[in-house]
């Protein structure tokens, strides 16, 4: 069930964080109006249906103007012989393996720094969950800065 449907069924007021998010979709806005759903925008609580309706129509007009300008510019570029889209010889290629290798190096370095501590706690007979609690108590963060869990401890101790 969608948010608008739930509001209609319960009589709730739809709370929107930013009015510009709602005003981008004139169809959705008209659907709210037809369904009799009230809404309040946190960034502009005094906005009424007229204000939002005008904003939606202006936004729709701007979208159409942008689309027309873009199509015209692409047609002109094509008429000048510019190749649009597709593969271009000499284009920069991204090697995603380098990114994976860098993340793996970082993970291994983190494992090397925390692993001995985890192994020591494991030798003391603590469970993975207890080790996670101990690391958290000591203020030691995971590699991504989060809180420790048993699964994270297990990954480091492999």
N, C-alpha and C. Protein backbone atom coordinates (compact mmCIF):
# COMPACT_ATOMS: atom_id res chain seq x y z
N UNK A 1 0.85 -1.17 0.00
CA UNK A 1 0.00 0.00 0.00
C UNK A 1 0.89 1.23 0.00
N UNK A 2 0.59 2.15 -0.89
CA UNK A 2 1.38 3.37 -1.00
C UNK A 2 1.07 4.34 0.12
N UNK A 3 1.95 5.32 0.26
CA UNK A 3 1.80 6.33 1.30
C UNK A 3 0.51 7.11 1.13
N UNK A 4 0.22 7.52 -0.11
CA UNK A 4 -0.99 8.29 -0.36
C UNK A 4 -2.23 7.47 -0.02
N UNK A 5 -2.21 6.18 -0.37
CA UNK A 5 -3.35 5.31 -0.07
C UNK A 5 -3.55 5.19 1.43
N UNK A 6 -2.46 5.02 2.14
CA UNK A 6 -2.54 4.89 3.59
C UNK A 6 -3.09 6.18 4.21
N UNK A 7 -2.65 7.33 3.72
CA UNK A 7 -3.16 8.62 4.23
C UNK A 7 -4.65 8.74 3.97
N UNK A 8 -5.06 8.33 2.77
CA UNK A 8 -6.48 8.43 2.43
C UNK A 8 -7.31 7.55 3.34
N UNK A 9 -6.85 6.31 3.58
CA UNK A 9 -7.61 5.38 4.40
C UNK A 9 -7.66 5.77 5.87
N UNK A 10 -6.57 6.34 6.36
CA UNK A 10 -6.50 6.68 7.78
C UNK A 10 -6.86 8.11 8.08
N UNK A 11 -6.95 8.94 7.04
CA UNK A 11 -7.22 10.36 7.25
C UNK A 11 -6.02 11.12 7.77
N UNK A 12 -4.85 10.53 7.60
CA UNK A 12 -3.62 11.16 8.09
C UNK A 12 -3.18 12.29 7.17
N UNK A 13 -2.37 13.17 7.71
CA UNK A 13 -1.79 14.26 6.93
C UNK A 13 -0.42 13.79 6.45
N UNK A 14 -0.14 13.96 5.18
CA UNK A 14 1.13 13.57 4.60
C UNK A 14 2.18 14.62 4.93
N UNK A 15 3.26 14.23 5.59
CA UNK A 15 4.33 15.14 5.94
C UNK A 15 5.46 14.96 4.93
N UNK A 16 5.85 16.06 4.31
CA UNK A 16 6.87 16.05 3.27
C UNK A 16 8.06 16.86 3.77
N UNK A 17 9.26 16.33 3.62
CA UNK A 17 10.45 17.02 4.11
C UNK A 17 10.69 18.31 3.33
N UNK A 18 10.67 18.21 2.02
CA UNK A 18 10.95 19.38 1.18
C UNK A 18 9.85 19.54 0.15
N UNK A 19 9.33 20.72 0.07
CA UNK A 19 8.23 21.00 -0.84
C UNK A 19 8.63 20.80 -2.30
N UNK A 20 9.87 21.12 -2.63
CA UNK A 20 10.28 20.97 -4.03
C UNK A 20 10.22 19.52 -4.49
N UNK A 21 10.33 18.56 -3.57
CA UNK A 21 10.22 17.16 -3.93
C UNK A 21 8.80 16.85 -4.41
N UNK A 22 7.82 17.42 -3.74
CA UNK A 22 6.43 17.18 -4.11
C UNK A 22 6.06 17.95 -5.37
N UNK A 23 6.55 19.16 -5.49
CA UNK A 23 6.14 19.99 -6.61
C UNK A 23 6.74 19.54 -7.94
N UNK A 24 7.68 18.61 -7.92
CA UNK A 24 8.27 18.11 -9.17
C UNK A 24 7.31 17.21 -9.93
N UNK A 25 6.38 16.60 -9.21
CA UNK A 25 5.50 15.62 -9.83
C UNK A 25 4.07 16.15 -9.82
N UNK A 26 3.68 16.84 -10.88
CA UNK A 26 2.34 17.44 -10.95
C UNK A 26 1.26 16.36 -10.91
N UNK A 27 1.51 15.22 -11.53
CA UNK A 27 0.53 14.13 -11.54
C UNK A 27 0.26 13.64 -10.11
N UNK A 28 1.31 13.44 -9.35
CA UNK A 28 1.16 12.99 -7.96
C UNK A 28 0.40 14.03 -7.15
N UNK A 29 0.76 15.29 -7.36
CA UNK A 29 0.11 16.38 -6.64
C UNK A 29 -1.39 16.42 -6.95
N UNK A 30 -1.74 16.28 -8.23
CA UNK A 30 -3.16 16.28 -8.59
C UNK A 30 -3.87 15.07 -8.01
N UNK A 31 -3.16 13.95 -7.91
CA UNK A 31 -3.73 12.75 -7.30
C UNK A 31 -4.01 12.98 -5.82
N UNK A 32 -3.11 13.68 -5.13
CA UNK A 32 -3.35 14.00 -3.72
C UNK A 32 -4.58 14.87 -3.58
N UNK A 33 -4.68 15.85 -4.47
CA UNK A 33 -5.80 16.78 -4.40
C UNK A 33 -7.12 16.04 -4.67
N UNK A 34 -7.14 15.18 -5.69
CA UNK A 34 -8.36 14.42 -6.01
C UNK A 34 -8.75 13.50 -4.85
N UNK A 35 -7.75 12.91 -4.20
CA UNK A 35 -8.02 11.98 -3.10
C UNK A 35 -8.38 12.71 -1.80
N UNK A 36 -8.21 14.03 -1.80
CA UNK A 36 -8.53 14.80 -0.60
C UNK A 36 -7.51 14.63 0.51
N UNK A 37 -6.27 14.36 0.14
CA UNK A 37 -5.21 14.15 1.13
C UNK A 37 -4.54 15.48 1.44
N UNK A 38 -4.52 15.83 2.71
CA UNK A 38 -3.83 17.05 3.13
C UNK A 38 -2.35 16.75 3.33
N UNK A 39 -1.53 17.75 3.13
CA UNK A 39 -0.09 17.57 3.33
C UNK A 39 0.50 18.83 3.91
N UNK A 40 1.63 18.64 4.58
CA UNK A 40 2.40 19.75 5.14
C UNK A 40 3.85 19.52 4.74
N UNK A 41 4.50 20.58 4.28
CA UNK A 41 5.91 20.52 3.93
C UNK A 41 6.71 21.11 5.09
N UNK A 42 7.68 20.36 5.60
CA UNK A 42 8.46 20.81 6.75
C UNK A 42 9.24 22.08 6.44
N UNK A 43 9.70 22.23 5.20
CA UNK A 43 10.49 23.41 4.87
C UNK A 43 9.64 24.63 4.52
N UNK A 44 8.32 24.44 4.33
CA UNK A 44 7.43 25.56 4.03
C UNK A 44 6.02 25.22 4.55
N UNK A 45 5.87 25.23 5.88
CA UNK A 45 4.60 24.77 6.47
C UNK A 45 3.39 25.62 6.10
N UNK A 46 3.57 26.85 5.66
CA UNK A 46 2.44 27.71 5.31
C UNK A 46 1.98 27.54 3.87
N UNK A 47 2.65 26.70 3.10
CA UNK A 47 2.28 26.50 1.69
C UNK A 47 0.90 25.85 1.63
N UNK A 48 0.10 26.32 0.70
CA UNK A 48 -1.22 25.71 0.52
C UNK A 48 -1.28 25.04 -0.85
N UNK A 49 -2.44 24.49 -1.18
CA UNK A 49 -2.58 23.76 -2.44
C UNK A 49 -2.32 24.66 -3.65
N UNK A 50 -2.74 25.91 -3.57
CA UNK A 50 -2.52 26.84 -4.68
C UNK A 50 -1.04 27.06 -4.91
N UNK A 51 -0.30 27.32 -3.83
CA UNK A 51 1.14 27.55 -3.92
C UNK A 51 1.84 26.35 -4.54
N UNK A 52 1.51 25.18 -4.03
CA UNK A 52 2.15 23.95 -4.52
C UNK A 52 1.73 23.66 -5.96
N UNK A 53 0.47 23.93 -6.29
CA UNK A 53 0.00 23.73 -7.66
C UNK A 53 0.75 24.59 -8.65
N UNK A 54 0.93 25.85 -8.29
CA UNK A 54 1.67 26.77 -9.16
C UNK A 54 3.12 26.30 -9.31
N UNK A 55 3.73 25.89 -8.20
CA UNK A 55 5.11 25.39 -8.25
C UNK A 55 5.22 24.16 -9.15
N UNK A 56 4.22 23.28 -9.06
CA UNK A 56 4.23 22.06 -9.88
C UNK A 56 4.14 22.41 -11.36
N UNK A 57 3.27 23.35 -11.70
CA UNK A 57 3.12 23.74 -13.11
C UNK A 57 4.39 24.40 -13.63
N UNK A 58 5.01 25.25 -12.81
CA UNK A 58 6.26 25.89 -13.21
C UNK A 58 7.36 24.84 -13.39
N UNK A 59 7.44 23.88 -12.46
CA UNK A 59 8.45 22.83 -12.55
C UNK A 59 8.24 21.98 -13.80
N UNK A 60 6.97 21.68 -14.10
CA UNK A 60 6.68 20.90 -15.31
C UNK A 60 7.09 21.67 -16.56
N UNK A 61 6.79 22.96 -16.60
CA UNK A 61 7.17 23.80 -17.74
C UNK A 61 8.69 23.83 -17.89
N UNK A 62 9.39 23.95 -16.78
CA UNK A 62 10.87 23.98 -16.82
C UNK A 62 11.42 22.65 -17.33
N UNK A 63 10.84 21.53 -16.89
CA UNK A 63 11.29 20.22 -17.37
C UNK A 63 11.11 20.11 -18.88
N UNK A 64 9.97 20.56 -19.37
CA UNK A 64 9.71 20.51 -20.80
C UNK A 64 10.68 21.40 -21.57
N UNK A 65 10.98 22.59 -21.03
CA UNK A 65 11.92 23.50 -21.69
C UNK A 65 13.32 22.89 -21.71
N UNK A 66 13.73 22.28 -20.62
CA UNK A 66 15.05 21.63 -20.56
C UNK A 66 15.12 20.51 -21.58
N UNK A 67 14.06 19.72 -21.66
CA UNK A 67 14.02 18.62 -22.62
C UNK A 67 14.14 19.15 -24.05
N UNK A 68 13.41 20.20 -24.36
CA UNK A 68 13.46 20.77 -25.71
C UNK A 68 14.85 21.30 -26.03
N UNK A 69 15.46 22.02 -25.07
CA UNK A 69 16.80 22.56 -25.30
C UNK A 69 17.82 21.44 -25.48
N UNK A 70 17.70 20.39 -24.69
CA UNK A 70 18.63 19.27 -24.79
C UNK A 70 18.51 18.58 -26.15
N UNK A 71 17.26 18.33 -26.57
CA UNK A 71 17.05 17.68 -27.87
C UNK A 71 17.60 18.54 -29.00
N UNK A 72 17.38 19.85 -28.93
CA UNK A 72 17.87 20.75 -29.97
C UNK A 72 19.40 20.75 -30.00
N UNK A 73 20.02 20.80 -28.83
CA UNK A 73 21.49 20.81 -28.77
C UNK A 73 22.07 19.50 -29.30
N UNK A 74 21.44 18.37 -28.98
CA UNK A 74 21.92 17.09 -29.49
C UNK A 74 21.75 17.01 -31.00
N UNK A 75 20.64 17.53 -31.52
CA UNK A 75 20.42 17.52 -32.97
C UNK A 75 21.46 18.38 -33.67
N UNK A 76 21.79 19.55 -33.10
CA UNK A 76 22.82 20.41 -33.69
C UNK A 76 24.18 19.72 -33.67
N UNK A 77 24.51 19.07 -32.55
CA UNK A 77 25.80 18.38 -32.45
C UNK A 77 25.87 17.26 -33.48
N UNK A 78 24.77 16.54 -33.64
CA UNK A 78 24.74 15.45 -34.60
C UNK A 78 24.89 15.98 -36.02
N UNK A 79 24.25 17.13 -36.30
CA UNK A 79 24.36 17.75 -37.63
C UNK A 79 25.79 18.18 -37.93
N UNK A 80 26.54 18.56 -36.88
CA UNK A 80 27.95 18.95 -37.06
C UNK A 80 28.85 17.73 -37.20
N UNK A 81 28.28 16.52 -37.08
CA UNK A 81 29.07 15.31 -37.25
C UNK A 81 29.61 14.73 -35.95
N UNK A 82 29.20 15.27 -34.83
CA UNK A 82 29.67 14.76 -33.54
C UNK A 82 29.02 13.42 -33.27
N UNK A 83 29.82 12.45 -32.84
CA UNK A 83 29.29 11.13 -32.51
C UNK A 83 28.68 11.20 -31.11
N UNK A 84 27.44 10.76 -31.02
CA UNK A 84 26.73 10.80 -29.75
C UNK A 84 26.56 9.39 -29.21
N UNK A 85 26.90 9.20 -27.94
CA UNK A 85 26.70 7.91 -27.30
C UNK A 85 27.63 6.85 -27.83
N UNK A 86 27.53 5.67 -27.26
CA UNK A 86 28.30 4.54 -27.72
C UNK A 86 29.77 4.59 -27.33
N UNK A 87 30.51 3.62 -27.81
CA UNK A 87 31.94 3.50 -27.51
C UNK A 87 32.73 4.52 -28.31
N UNK A 88 33.69 5.14 -27.65
CA UNK A 88 34.58 6.08 -28.33
C UNK A 88 36.02 5.59 -28.13
N UNK A 89 36.72 5.31 -29.21
CA UNK A 89 38.11 4.88 -29.07
C UNK A 89 38.91 5.95 -28.33
N UNK A 90 39.76 5.50 -27.45
CA UNK A 90 40.61 6.42 -26.71
C UNK A 90 39.96 6.94 -25.44
N UNK A 91 38.71 6.55 -25.19
CA UNK A 91 38.05 7.00 -23.96
C UNK A 91 38.72 6.34 -22.76
N UNK A 92 38.72 7.05 -21.65
CA UNK A 92 39.34 6.53 -20.43
C UNK A 92 38.59 5.30 -19.94
N UNK A 93 39.31 4.26 -19.68
CA UNK A 93 38.71 3.03 -19.19
C UNK A 93 38.96 2.92 -17.69
N UNK A 94 37.97 2.44 -16.99
CA UNK A 94 38.09 2.28 -15.55
C UNK A 94 38.38 0.81 -15.26
N UNK A 95 39.43 0.57 -14.50
CA UNK A 95 39.77 -0.80 -14.12
C UNK A 95 39.30 -1.02 -12.69
N UNK A 96 38.15 -1.66 -12.56
CA UNK A 96 37.55 -1.86 -11.25
C UNK A 96 38.36 -2.81 -10.38
N UNK A 97 39.21 -3.60 -11.02
CA UNK A 97 40.04 -4.52 -10.22
C UNK A 97 40.97 -3.75 -9.30
N UNK A 98 41.43 -2.58 -9.73
CA UNK A 98 42.30 -1.77 -8.88
C UNK A 98 41.57 -1.35 -7.61
N UNK A 99 40.30 -1.00 -7.74
CA UNK A 99 39.50 -0.61 -6.59
C UNK A 99 39.33 -1.80 -5.64
N UNK A 100 39.04 -2.95 -6.18
CA UNK A 100 38.88 -4.16 -5.36
C UNK A 100 40.19 -4.48 -4.65
N UNK A 101 41.29 -4.40 -5.38
CA UNK A 101 42.59 -4.69 -4.77
C UNK A 101 42.91 -3.71 -3.65
N UNK A 102 42.58 -2.45 -3.83
CA UNK A 102 42.84 -1.45 -2.79
C UNK A 102 42.01 -1.74 -1.54
N UNK A 103 40.73 -2.10 -1.74
CA UNK A 103 39.88 -2.43 -0.59
C UNK A 103 40.40 -3.67 0.13
N UNK A 104 40.87 -4.65 -0.65
CA UNK A 104 41.41 -5.87 -0.04
C UNK A 104 42.67 -5.57 0.75
N UNK A 105 43.53 -4.67 0.24
CA UNK A 105 44.73 -4.29 0.99
C UNK A 105 44.37 -3.60 2.29
N UNK A 106 43.39 -2.69 2.23
CA UNK A 106 42.94 -1.99 3.44
C UNK A 106 42.38 -2.96 4.47
N UNK A 107 41.59 -3.92 3.99
CA UNK A 107 40.99 -4.91 4.89
C UNK A 107 42.08 -5.76 5.53
N UNK A 108 43.07 -6.15 4.76
CA UNK A 108 44.15 -6.97 5.30
C UNK A 108 44.97 -6.19 6.32
N UNK A 109 45.22 -4.91 6.06
CA UNK A 109 45.96 -4.08 7.02
C UNK A 109 45.18 -3.94 8.32
N UNK A 110 43.87 -3.75 8.22
CA UNK A 110 43.05 -3.64 9.43
C UNK A 110 43.05 -4.96 10.19
N UNK A 111 42.92 -6.06 9.45
CA UNK A 111 42.93 -7.39 10.08
C UNK A 111 44.26 -7.62 10.80
N UNK A 112 45.36 -7.16 10.19
CA UNK A 112 46.67 -7.34 10.81
C UNK A 112 46.80 -6.51 12.09
N UNK A 113 46.13 -5.36 12.15
CA UNK A 113 46.24 -4.53 13.35
C UNK A 113 45.34 -4.99 14.48
N UNK A 114 44.16 -5.51 14.16
CA UNK A 114 43.21 -5.91 15.20
C UNK A 114 43.25 -7.42 15.45
N UNK A 115 43.65 -8.18 14.46
CA UNK A 115 43.65 -9.63 14.57
C UNK A 115 44.36 -10.19 15.78
N UNK A 116 45.59 -9.72 16.10
CA UNK A 116 46.28 -10.27 17.27
C UNK A 116 45.51 -10.02 18.57
N UNK A 117 44.87 -8.87 18.69
CA UNK A 117 44.08 -8.57 19.89
C UNK A 117 42.90 -9.54 20.00
N UNK A 118 42.25 -9.78 18.87
CA UNK A 118 41.12 -10.71 18.84
C UNK A 118 41.59 -12.12 19.18
N UNK A 119 42.73 -12.51 18.62
CA UNK A 119 43.27 -13.85 18.90
C UNK A 119 43.58 -14.00 20.38
N UNK A 120 44.12 -12.97 20.99
CA UNK A 120 44.41 -13.03 22.42
C UNK A 120 43.15 -13.18 23.25
N UNK A 121 42.12 -12.45 22.91
CA UNK A 121 40.85 -12.57 23.64
C UNK A 121 40.21 -13.94 23.41
N UNK A 122 40.39 -14.45 22.21
CA UNK A 122 39.87 -15.78 21.88
C UNK A 122 40.60 -16.84 22.70
N UNK A 123 41.93 -16.66 22.87
CA UNK A 123 42.72 -17.60 23.68
C UNK A 123 42.31 -17.56 25.15
N UNK A 124 41.79 -16.39 25.59
CA UNK A 124 41.32 -16.26 26.97
C UNK A 124 39.97 -16.93 27.17
N UNK A 125 39.40 -17.48 26.09
CA UNK A 125 38.15 -18.22 26.20
C UNK A 125 36.89 -17.40 25.96
N UNK A 126 37.04 -16.18 25.49
CA UNK A 126 35.86 -15.36 25.24
C UNK A 126 35.19 -15.78 23.94
N UNK A 127 33.87 -15.67 23.91
CA UNK A 127 33.11 -15.97 22.69
C UNK A 127 33.23 -14.79 21.73
N UNK A 128 32.78 -15.01 20.50
CA UNK A 128 32.81 -13.94 19.51
C UNK A 128 31.98 -12.74 19.98
N UNK A 129 30.84 -13.02 20.57
CA UNK A 129 29.97 -11.95 21.06
C UNK A 129 30.63 -11.19 22.21
N UNK A 130 31.31 -11.91 23.10
CA UNK A 130 32.00 -11.26 24.21
C UNK A 130 33.18 -10.42 23.72
N UNK A 131 33.87 -10.93 22.70
CA UNK A 131 34.98 -10.16 22.13
C UNK A 131 34.44 -8.88 21.49
N UNK A 132 33.33 -9.00 20.79
CA UNK A 132 32.72 -7.82 20.17
C UNK A 132 32.38 -6.78 21.24
N UNK A 133 31.81 -7.23 22.35
CA UNK A 133 31.46 -6.31 23.44
C UNK A 133 32.72 -5.68 24.03
N UNK A 134 33.78 -6.45 24.20
CA UNK A 134 35.03 -5.93 24.76
C UNK A 134 35.65 -4.88 23.85
N UNK A 135 35.70 -5.17 22.55
CA UNK A 135 36.26 -4.21 21.59
C UNK A 135 35.45 -2.90 21.58
N UNK A 136 34.14 -3.04 21.64
CA UNK A 136 33.27 -1.86 21.67
C UNK A 136 33.50 -1.06 22.95
N UNK A 137 33.61 -1.75 24.08
CA UNK A 137 33.87 -1.08 25.37
C UNK A 137 35.17 -0.29 25.33
N UNK A 138 36.16 -0.83 24.65
CA UNK A 138 37.47 -0.19 24.58
C UNK A 138 37.51 0.94 23.55
N UNK A 139 36.41 1.15 22.86
CA UNK A 139 36.34 2.23 21.88
C UNK A 139 37.01 1.91 20.56
N UNK A 140 37.26 0.65 20.30
CA UNK A 140 37.88 0.24 19.04
C UNK A 140 36.76 0.07 18.02
N UNK A 141 36.86 0.75 16.91
CA UNK A 141 35.84 0.72 15.87
C UNK A 141 36.19 -0.33 14.82
N UNK A 142 35.19 -0.75 14.07
CA UNK A 142 35.43 -1.66 12.96
C UNK A 142 36.15 -0.91 11.85
N UNK A 143 36.51 -1.60 10.80
CA UNK A 143 37.23 -0.98 9.69
C UNK A 143 36.43 0.17 9.07
N UNK A 144 35.12 0.05 9.08
CA UNK A 144 34.27 1.10 8.50
C UNK A 144 33.75 2.06 9.56
N UNK A 145 34.26 1.95 10.77
CA UNK A 145 33.88 2.89 11.82
C UNK A 145 32.65 2.51 12.60
N UNK A 146 32.15 1.30 12.44
CA UNK A 146 30.93 0.88 13.11
C UNK A 146 31.19 0.18 14.43
N UNK A 147 30.13 -0.38 14.96
CA UNK A 147 30.20 -1.12 16.21
C UNK A 147 30.50 -2.59 15.90
N UNK A 148 31.12 -3.26 16.82
CA UNK A 148 31.50 -4.64 16.63
C UNK A 148 30.32 -5.58 16.82
N UNK A 149 30.28 -6.61 15.98
CA UNK A 149 29.33 -7.71 16.12
C UNK A 149 30.13 -9.01 16.11
N UNK A 150 29.48 -10.10 16.47
CA UNK A 150 30.16 -11.39 16.44
C UNK A 150 30.65 -11.71 15.03
N UNK A 151 29.84 -11.39 14.04
CA UNK A 151 30.22 -11.69 12.64
C UNK A 151 31.44 -10.87 12.24
N UNK A 152 31.52 -9.60 12.67
CA UNK A 152 32.68 -8.77 12.33
C UNK A 152 33.94 -9.31 13.00
N UNK A 153 33.80 -9.79 14.24
CA UNK A 153 34.94 -10.37 14.94
C UNK A 153 35.41 -11.62 14.21
N UNK A 154 34.46 -12.42 13.77
CA UNK A 154 34.79 -13.66 13.06
C UNK A 154 35.56 -13.36 11.78
N UNK A 155 35.13 -12.31 11.05
CA UNK A 155 35.81 -11.95 9.81
C UNK A 155 37.24 -11.50 10.06
N UNK A 156 37.47 -10.80 11.15
CA UNK A 156 38.81 -10.32 11.46
C UNK A 156 39.71 -11.45 11.93
N UNK A 157 39.12 -12.45 12.57
CA UNK A 157 39.95 -13.51 13.14
C UNK A 157 40.25 -14.63 12.17
N UNK A 158 39.75 -14.56 10.95
CA UNK A 158 40.01 -15.62 9.97
C UNK A 158 41.45 -15.68 9.55
